[in-house]
Amino acid sequence: NRPPVAEAQPVLDDEKVTYDRERDQLDAENARLADQLRNLNSADAAAVAAYNARSDAHNQRVAEHNRRVADMNEAVAQLTADIANATPYCRFAWNYGY
């Protein structure tokens, strides 16, 4: 059950803002990890293990973000199709005073 077209658009707009903000945070985290990797002492097994754990957690957050964005993109595609399907009916109703 999808919400009406008029209700879906603002929700999707809000989701996009949220996901863009999340992407910016992930990008900043990725830059920090890259800096840590450049400075990592590869001979220090504990430091390498800690870095790998942080990197794995980051990659999991990125994968979850990507799934949410894919779901949002699917919802946008469906909304676009719904608008395209409704447009002829709206024009008819407008032109004939319904």
C-alpha atoms as a PDB file:
ATOM      1  CA  ASN A   1       0.000   0.000   0.000  1.00  0.00           C
ATOM      2  CA  ARG A   2       1.638   3.162  -1.227  1.00  0.00           C
ATOM      3  CA  PRO A   3       0.744   6.599   0.105  1.00  0.00           C
ATOM      4  CA  PRO A   4      -1.080   9.015  -2.202  1.00  0.00           C
ATOM      5  CA  VAL A   5       1.164  10.850  -4.657  1.00  0.00           C
ATOM      6  CA  ALA A   6       0.780  14.176  -2.850  1.00  0.00           C
ATOM      7  CA  GLU A   7       1.970  12.593   0.415  1.00  0.00           C
ATOM      8  CA  ALA A   8       4.823  10.551  -1.078  1.00  0.00           C
ATOM      9  CA  GLN A   9       6.819  13.395  -2.604  1.00  0.00           C
ATOM     10  CA  PRO A  10       7.603  15.288   0.634  1.00  0.00           C
ATOM     11  CA  VAL A  11       8.522  12.036   2.394  1.00  0.00           C
ATOM     12  CA  LEU A  12      10.935  11.111  -0.397  1.00  0.00           C
ATOM     13  CA  ASP A  13      12.390  14.626  -0.406  1.00  0.00           C
ATOM     14  CA  ASP A  14      13.074  14.334   3.326  1.00  0.00           C
ATOM     15  CA  GLU A  15      14.645  10.904   2.849  1.00  0.00           C
ATOM     16  CA  LYS A  16      16.951  12.295   0.171  1.00  0.00           C
ATOM     17  CA  VAL A  17      18.154  15.073   2.477  1.00  0.00           C
ATOM     18  CA  THR A  18      18.763  12.527   5.234  1.00  0.00           C
ATOM     19  CA  TYR A  19      20.622  10.144   2.920  1.00  0.00           C
ATOM     20  CA  ASP A  20      22.710  12.962   1.438  1.00  0.00           C
ATOM     21  CA  ARG A  21      23.726  13.998   4.956  1.00  0.00           C
ATOM     22  CA  GLU A  22      24.529  10.377   5.797  1.00  0.00           C
ATOM     23  CA  ARG A  23      26.610  10.066   2.617  1.00  0.00           C
ATOM     24  CA  ASP A  24      28.601  13.145   3.616  1.00  0.00           C
ATOM     25  CA  GLN A  25      29.286  11.573   7.022  1.00  0.00           C
ATOM     26  CA  LEU A  26      30.349   8.306   5.372  1.00  0.00           C
ATOM     27  CA  ASP A  27      32.649  10.199   3.007  1.00  0.00           C
ATOM     28  CA  ALA A  28      34.283  11.981   5.960  1.00  0.00           C
ATOM     29  CA  GLU A  29      34.669   8.694   7.802  1.00  0.00           C
ATOM     30  CA  ASN A  30      36.217   7.145   4.700  1.00  0.00           C
ATOM     31  CA  ALA A  31      38.735   9.999   4.517  1.00  0.00           C
ATOM     32  CA  ARG A  32      39.667   9.428   8.178  1.00  0.00           C
ATOM     33  CA  LEU A  33      40.123   5.711   7.531  1.00  0.00           C
ATOM     34  CA  ALA A  34      42.315   6.436   4.499  1.00  0.00           C
ATOM     35  CA  ASP A  35      44.464   8.746   6.642  1.00  0.00           C
ATOM     36  CA  GLN A  36      44.707   6.102   9.352  1.00  0.00           C
ATOM     37  CA  LEU A  37      45.725   3.499   6.765  1.00  0.00           C
ATOM     38  CA  ARG A  38      48.480   5.754   5.423  1.00  0.00           C
ATOM     39  CA  ASN A  39      49.855   6.118   8.939  1.00  0.00           C
ATOM     40  CA  LEU A  40      49.309   2.506  10.008  1.00  0.00           C
ATOM     41  CA  ASN A  41      52.302   0.547  11.237  1.00  0.00           C
ATOM     42  CA  SER A  42      51.746  -2.701   9.368  1.00  0.00           C
ATOM     43  CA  ALA A  43      54.160  -4.468  11.742  1.00  0.00           C
ATOM     44  CA  ASP A  44      51.826  -3.784  14.690  1.00  0.00           C
ATOM     45  CA  ALA A  45      49.343  -6.672  14.559  1.00  0.00           C
ATOM     46  CA  ALA A  46      47.030  -5.124  17.154  1.00  0.00           C
ATOM     47  CA  ALA A  47      46.904  -1.816  15.275  1.00  0.00           C
ATOM     48  CA  VAL A  48      46.197  -3.627  11.996  1.00  0.00           C
ATOM     49  CA  ALA A  49      43.420  -5.674  13.615  1.00  0.00           C
ATOM     50  CA  ALA A  50      41.865  -2.540  15.130  1.00  0.00           C
ATOM     51  CA  TYR A  51      42.031  -0.736  11.795  1.00  0.00           C
ATOM     52  CA  ASN A  52      40.471  -3.728  10.011  1.00  0.00           C
ATOM     53  CA  ALA A  53      37.621  -3.781  12.533  1.00  0.00           C
ATOM     54  CA  ARG A  54      36.953  -0.059  12.002  1.00  0.00           C
ATOM     55  CA  SER A  55      37.143  -0.513   8.227  1.00  0.00           C
ATOM     56  CA  ASP A  56      34.766  -3.503   8.301  1.00  0.00           C
ATOM     57  CA  ALA A  57      32.259  -1.546  10.410  1.00  0.00           C
ATOM     58  CA  HIS A  58      32.485   1.361   7.972  1.00  0.00           C
ATOM     59  CA  ASN A  59      31.938  -0.946   5.005  1.00  0.00           C
ATOM     60  CA  GLN A  60      28.848  -2.377   6.716  1.00  0.00           C
ATOM     61  CA  ARG A  61      27.454   1.137   7.245  1.00  0.00           C
ATOM     62  CA  VAL A  62      28.134   1.946   3.578  1.00  0.00           C
ATOM     63  CA  ALA A  63      26.345  -1.240   2.455  1.00  0.00           C
ATOM     64  CA  GLU A  64      23.325  -0.417   4.641  1.00  0.00           C
ATOM     65  CA  HIS A  65      23.277   3.148   3.303  1.00  0.00           C
ATOM     66  CA  ASN A  66      23.408   1.862  -0.265  1.00  0.00           C
ATOM     67  CA  ARG A  67      20.456  -0.489   0.400  1.00  0.00           C
ATOM     68  CA  ARG A  68      18.383   2.384   1.804  1.00  0.00           C
ATOM     69  CA  VAL A  69      19.257   4.603  -1.166  1.00  0.00           C
ATOM     70  CA  ALA A  70      18.338   1.808  -3.593  1.00  0.00           C
ATOM     71  CA  ASP A  71      14.978   1.403  -1.823  1.00  0.00           C
ATOM     72  CA  MET A  72      14.404   5.164  -2.033  1.00  0.00           C
ATOM     73  CA  ASN A  73      15.307   5.165  -5.736  1.00  0.00           C
ATOM     74  CA  GLU A  74      12.791   2.396  -6.314  1.00  0.00           C
ATOM     75  CA  ALA A  75      10.131   4.437  -4.504  1.00  0.00           C
ATOM     76  CA  VAL A  76      11.000   7.494  -6.630  1.00  0.00           C
ATOM     77  CA  ALA A  77      10.676   5.424  -9.801  1.00  0.00           C
ATOM     78  CA  GLN A  78       7.270   4.165  -8.657  1.00  0.00           C
ATOM     79  CA  LEU A  79       6.150   7.697  -7.777  1.00  0.00           C
ATOM     80  CA  THR A  80       7.271   8.922 -11.190  1.00  0.00           C
ATOM     81  CA  ALA A  81       5.264   6.144 -12.836  1.00  0.00           C
ATOM     82  CA  ASP A  82       2.233   6.938 -10.668  1.00  0.00           C
ATOM     83  CA  ILE A  83       2.423  10.607 -11.657  1.00  0.00           C
ATOM     84  CA  ALA A  84       2.730   9.689 -15.325  1.00  0.00           C
ATOM     85  CA  ASN A  85      -0.295   7.391 -15.041  1.00  0.00           C
ATOM     86  CA  ALA A  86      -2.378   9.994 -13.197  1.00  0.00           C
ATOM     87  CA  THR A  87      -1.570  12.941 -15.465  1.00  0.00           C
ATOM     88  CA  PRO A  88      -4.055  12.109 -18.262  1.00  0.00           C
ATOM     89  CA  TYR A  89      -6.869  11.663 -15.719  1.00  0.00           C
ATOM     90  CA  CYS A  90      -6.010  14.935 -14.010  1.00  0.00           C
ATOM     91  CA  ARG A  91      -6.011  16.777 -17.345  1.00  0.00           C
ATOM     92  CA  PHE A  92      -9.370  15.265 -18.220  1.00  0.00           C
ATOM     93  CA  ALA A  93     -10.828  16.240 -14.851  1.00  0.00           C
ATOM     94  CA  TRP A  94      -9.383  19.748 -15.131  1.00  0.00           C
ATOM     95  CA  ASN A  95     -10.677  20.265 -18.658  1.00  0.00           C
ATOM     96  CA  TYR A  96     -14.169  18.985 -17.857  1.00  0.00           C
ATOM     97  CA  GLY A  97     -14.596  20.525 -14.416  1.00  0.00           C
ATOM     98  CA  TYR A  98     -14.557  17.408 -12.292  1.00  0.00           C
END
